[in-house]
N, C-alpha and C. Protein backbone atom coordinates (compact mmCIF):
# COMPACT_ATOMS: atom_id res chain seq x y z
N MET A 1 1.30 12.83 -15.35
CA MET A 1 2.07 13.74 -15.32
C MET A 1 3.51 13.21 -15.36
N LEU A 2 4.37 13.41 -16.31
CA LEU A 2 5.75 13.02 -16.44
C LEU A 2 6.77 14.07 -16.38
N ASN A 3 7.88 13.87 -15.92
CA ASN A 3 8.85 14.91 -16.01
C ASN A 3 9.93 14.79 -17.11
N GLU A 4 10.98 15.32 -17.16
CA GLU A 4 11.88 15.33 -18.38
C GLU A 4 12.36 13.95 -18.62
N GLY A 5 12.48 13.08 -17.63
CA GLY A 5 13.13 11.84 -17.79
C GLY A 5 12.08 10.78 -18.25
N GLY A 6 10.80 11.26 -18.35
CA GLY A 6 9.92 10.32 -18.77
C GLY A 6 9.31 9.42 -17.53
N LYS A 7 9.57 9.80 -16.47
CA LYS A 7 9.17 9.07 -15.21
C LYS A 7 8.36 9.95 -14.33
N ASN A 8 7.49 9.37 -13.49
CA ASN A 8 6.79 10.05 -12.71
C ASN A 8 7.63 10.72 -11.78
N PRO A 9 7.37 12.09 -11.38
CA PRO A 9 8.02 12.62 -10.24
C PRO A 9 7.87 12.07 -9.00
N ASP A 10 8.74 12.09 -8.01
CA ASP A 10 8.53 11.65 -6.54
C ASP A 10 8.80 12.64 -5.66
N PRO A 11 7.84 13.50 -5.46
CA PRO A 11 7.95 14.78 -4.57
C PRO A 11 8.10 14.45 -3.19
N LEU A 12 7.83 13.10 -2.66
CA LEU A 12 7.79 12.87 -1.18
C LEU A 12 9.27 12.20 -1.00
N GLY A 13 9.74 11.61 -2.11
CA GLY A 13 11.08 11.03 -1.75
C GLY A 13 10.82 9.69 -1.18
N ALA A 14 9.34 9.17 -1.26
CA ALA A 14 9.14 8.02 -0.45
C ALA A 14 8.68 6.89 -1.41
N ILE A 15 8.42 7.02 -2.75
CA ILE A 15 7.98 5.83 -3.47
C ILE A 15 8.96 4.84 -3.74
N SER A 16 8.91 3.79 -3.11
CA SER A 16 9.87 2.71 -3.38
C SER A 16 9.21 1.44 -3.85
N GLY A 17 7.98 1.18 -3.46
CA GLY A 17 7.32 0.08 -3.85
C GLY A 17 6.00 0.20 -4.79
N PHE A 18 5.43 -0.77 -5.33
CA PHE A 18 4.63 -0.98 -6.19
C PHE A 18 3.18 -0.21 -5.71
N VAL A 19 2.75 -0.54 -4.50
CA VAL A 19 1.62 0.00 -4.11
C VAL A 19 1.59 1.44 -3.74
N GLN A 20 2.90 1.97 -3.21
CA GLN A 20 3.18 3.36 -3.16
C GLN A 20 3.05 3.91 -4.38
N SER A 21 3.52 3.56 -5.49
CA SER A 21 3.46 4.03 -6.80
C SER A 21 2.08 4.22 -7.33
N ILE A 22 1.37 3.23 -7.22
CA ILE A 22 -0.09 3.27 -7.43
C ILE A 22 -0.89 4.26 -6.65
N SER A 23 -0.58 4.27 -5.39
CA SER A 23 -1.22 5.31 -4.45
C SER A 23 -1.02 6.71 -4.74
N TRP A 24 0.26 6.95 -5.20
CA TRP A 24 0.77 8.29 -5.54
C TRP A 24 0.23 8.65 -6.79
N ASN A 25 0.17 7.93 -7.77
CA ASN A 25 -0.17 7.93 -9.26
C ASN A 25 -1.77 8.45 -9.23
N TRP A 26 -2.47 7.84 -8.49
CA TRP A 26 -4.02 8.12 -8.37
C TRP A 26 -4.27 9.04 -7.08
N ASN A 27 -3.24 9.68 -6.76
CA ASN A 27 -3.40 10.82 -5.63
C ASN A 27 -4.02 10.02 -4.37
N GLY A 28 -3.92 8.81 -4.00
CA GLY A 28 -4.19 8.27 -2.87
C GLY A 28 -3.73 8.61 -1.70
N PRO A 29 -3.85 7.66 -0.74
CA PRO A 29 -3.09 7.97 0.62
C PRO A 29 -1.63 7.88 0.44
N THR A 30 -0.87 8.70 1.10
CA THR A 30 0.57 8.70 1.11
C THR A 30 0.99 7.75 2.17
N GLN A 31 2.33 7.51 2.24
CA GLN A 31 2.91 6.56 3.18
C GLN A 31 2.55 5.21 3.23
N TRP A 32 2.02 4.63 1.89
CA TRP A 32 1.55 3.19 1.86
C TRP A 32 2.88 2.37 1.57
N ASP A 33 3.18 1.51 2.44
CA ASP A 33 4.24 0.42 2.08
C ASP A 33 3.94 -0.93 2.42
N CYS A 34 2.80 -1.44 1.69
CA CYS A 34 2.14 -2.61 2.16
C CYS A 34 2.87 -3.84 1.96
N SER A 35 4.22 -3.66 1.69
CA SER A 35 5.07 -4.89 1.49
C SER A 35 5.77 -5.01 2.90
N ASN A 36 5.70 -3.89 3.69
CA ASN A 36 5.91 -3.90 5.17
C ASN A 36 5.05 -4.58 5.89
N ILE A 37 5.15 -5.53 6.66
CA ILE A 37 4.16 -6.22 7.53
C ILE A 37 3.58 -5.47 8.73
N GLY A 38 4.55 -4.54 9.21
CA GLY A 38 4.28 -3.90 10.31
C GLY A 38 3.49 -2.51 9.92
N GLU A 39 3.21 -2.19 8.58
CA GLU A 39 2.79 -0.89 8.16
C GLU A 39 1.26 -0.89 8.70
N THR A 40 0.76 0.01 9.26
CA THR A 40 -0.55 0.23 9.58
C THR A 40 -1.29 1.09 8.57
N HIS A 41 -0.80 1.95 7.84
CA HIS A 41 -1.44 2.79 6.87
C HIS A 41 -2.22 1.90 5.92
N CYS A 42 -2.03 0.73 5.61
CA CYS A 42 -2.42 -0.15 4.64
C CYS A 42 -3.56 -0.95 5.23
N ASN A 43 -4.04 -0.46 6.46
CA ASN A 43 -5.08 -1.24 6.99
C ASN A 43 -6.34 -0.45 6.98
N SER A 44 -6.41 0.24 6.02
CA SER A 44 -7.78 1.13 5.95
C SER A 44 -8.34 1.01 4.44
N VAL A 45 -9.67 1.28 4.48
CA VAL A 45 -10.37 1.42 3.30
C VAL A 45 -10.25 2.75 2.64
N VAL A 46 -10.12 2.76 1.18
CA VAL A 46 -10.00 4.21 0.61
C VAL A 46 -11.34 4.40 -0.08
N LYS A 47 -11.68 5.64 0.20
CA LYS A 47 -13.05 6.02 -0.31
C LYS A 47 -12.91 6.88 -1.71
N CYS A 48 -13.77 6.83 -2.44
CA CYS A 48 -13.59 7.14 -3.95
C CYS A 48 -13.07 8.71 -3.82
N GLN A 49 -13.51 9.61 -3.07
CA GLN A 49 -13.23 10.85 -2.79
C GLN A 49 -11.64 11.15 -2.57
N GLU A 50 -11.01 9.96 -1.83
CA GLU A 50 -9.74 10.15 -1.54
C GLU A 50 -8.55 9.74 -2.76
N THR A 51 -9.21 9.57 -3.97
CA THR A 51 -8.37 9.39 -5.22
C THR A 51 -8.99 10.20 -6.32
N ASN A 52 -8.10 10.46 -7.39
CA ASN A 52 -8.72 11.19 -8.35
C ASN A 52 -9.44 10.53 -9.66
N VAL A 53 -9.51 9.19 -9.36
CA VAL A 53 -10.47 8.26 -10.11
C VAL A 53 -11.03 7.19 -9.18
N PRO A 54 -12.29 6.83 -9.43
CA PRO A 54 -12.93 5.74 -8.67
C PRO A 54 -12.30 4.49 -8.69
N VAL A 55 -11.83 4.14 -9.71
CA VAL A 55 -11.25 2.90 -9.77
C VAL A 55 -9.78 2.91 -9.05
N GLY A 56 -9.19 4.06 -8.58
CA GLY A 56 -8.12 3.96 -7.80
C GLY A 56 -8.48 3.70 -6.39
N ALA A 57 -9.72 4.09 -5.75
CA ALA A 57 -10.22 3.72 -4.46
C ALA A 57 -10.41 2.20 -4.42
N MET A 58 -10.88 1.57 -5.51
CA MET A 58 -11.13 0.26 -5.64
C MET A 58 -10.04 -0.65 -5.31
N VAL A 59 -9.14 -0.17 -6.24
CA VAL A 59 -7.69 -0.85 -6.37
C VAL A 59 -6.87 -0.69 -4.75
N MET A 60 -6.97 0.41 -4.47
CA MET A 60 -6.15 0.69 -3.08
C MET A 60 -6.91 -0.14 -2.04
N THR A 61 -8.28 -0.22 -2.01
CA THR A 61 -9.14 -0.77 -1.09
C THR A 61 -8.64 -2.29 -1.06
N SER A 62 -8.43 -2.98 -2.42
CA SER A 62 -8.15 -4.26 -2.70
C SER A 62 -6.74 -4.48 -1.95
N PHE A 63 -5.77 -3.62 -2.09
CA PHE A 63 -4.41 -3.71 -1.60
C PHE A 63 -4.59 -3.82 -0.02
N ALA A 64 -5.44 -2.99 0.56
CA ALA A 64 -5.71 -2.90 1.96
C ALA A 64 -6.23 -4.33 2.37
N ASN A 65 -7.18 -4.69 1.85
CA ASN A 65 -7.77 -6.06 2.05
C ASN A 65 -6.88 -7.21 2.08
N ILE A 66 -5.96 -7.24 1.08
CA ILE A 66 -4.96 -8.22 1.08
C ILE A 66 -3.92 -8.17 2.21
N HIS A 67 -3.52 -6.94 2.47
CA HIS A 67 -2.65 -6.56 3.59
C HIS A 67 -3.25 -6.93 5.01
N MET A 68 -4.52 -6.73 5.18
CA MET A 68 -5.33 -7.21 6.45
C MET A 68 -5.37 -8.66 6.51
N VAL A 69 -5.35 -9.47 5.37
CA VAL A 69 -5.40 -10.86 5.48
C VAL A 69 -3.88 -11.43 5.86
N ARG A 70 -2.96 -10.77 5.03
CA ARG A 70 -1.55 -11.25 5.18
C ARG A 70 -1.04 -11.00 6.50
N VAL A 71 -1.27 -9.92 7.04
CA VAL A 71 -0.73 -9.68 8.39
C VAL A 71 -0.96 -10.58 9.54
N PRO A 72 -2.19 -11.08 9.86
CA PRO A 72 -2.62 -12.03 10.86
C PRO A 72 -1.89 -13.49 10.42
N SER A 73 -1.94 -13.67 9.20
CA SER A 73 -1.36 -15.02 8.76
C SER A 73 0.08 -14.95 8.99
N HIS A 74 0.82 -13.86 8.64
CA HIS A 74 2.27 -13.80 8.97
C HIS A 74 2.63 -13.97 10.49
N ASN A 75 1.67 -13.14 11.25
CA ASN A 75 1.92 -13.23 12.75
C ASN A 75 1.75 -14.51 13.20
N PHE A 76 0.82 -15.37 12.69
CA PHE A 76 0.28 -16.70 13.25
C PHE A 76 1.55 -17.72 12.95
N MET A 77 1.94 -17.73 11.66
CA MET A 77 3.04 -18.52 11.47
C MET A 77 4.36 -18.25 12.06
N THR A 78 4.55 -16.88 12.08
CA THR A 78 5.84 -16.55 13.01
C THR A 78 5.72 -17.02 14.36
N THR A 79 4.67 -16.95 15.14
CA THR A 79 4.50 -17.48 16.46
C THR A 79 4.57 -18.96 16.39
N ARG A 80 3.88 -19.64 15.54
CA ARG A 80 4.18 -21.17 15.57
C ARG A 80 5.60 -21.53 15.07
N HIS A 81 6.24 -20.77 14.40
CA HIS A 81 7.55 -21.12 14.22
C HIS A 81 8.39 -21.06 15.40
N LYS A 82 8.22 -19.99 16.00
CA LYS A 82 8.87 -19.71 17.45
C LYS A 82 8.46 -20.86 18.45
N GLU A 83 7.34 -21.30 18.57
CA GLU A 83 7.03 -22.28 19.55
C GLU A 83 7.55 -23.73 19.02
N SER A 84 7.76 -23.72 17.76
CA SER A 84 8.25 -25.23 17.33
C SER A 84 9.76 -25.23 17.49
N THR A 85 10.54 -24.12 17.95
CA THR A 85 12.03 -24.21 17.91
C THR A 85 12.47 -24.14 19.32
């Protein structure tokens, strides 16, 4: 669905990142900002019923899996950096 400007409308005023745009486009979970390490919404598996196409759930779950690997790695490296300084 496109608005007059040829862009997807942003009814929540919250779509600022790639993952958020994908989630909104496939009617997936809202408030996903997986670029933010502290974001907890990105730590959940998305079921097929939560999106308007099954592939949307698969893509969103992939983003969640990447986020769940990235957060502990970031935390570990941050801790190591603090210990070494």
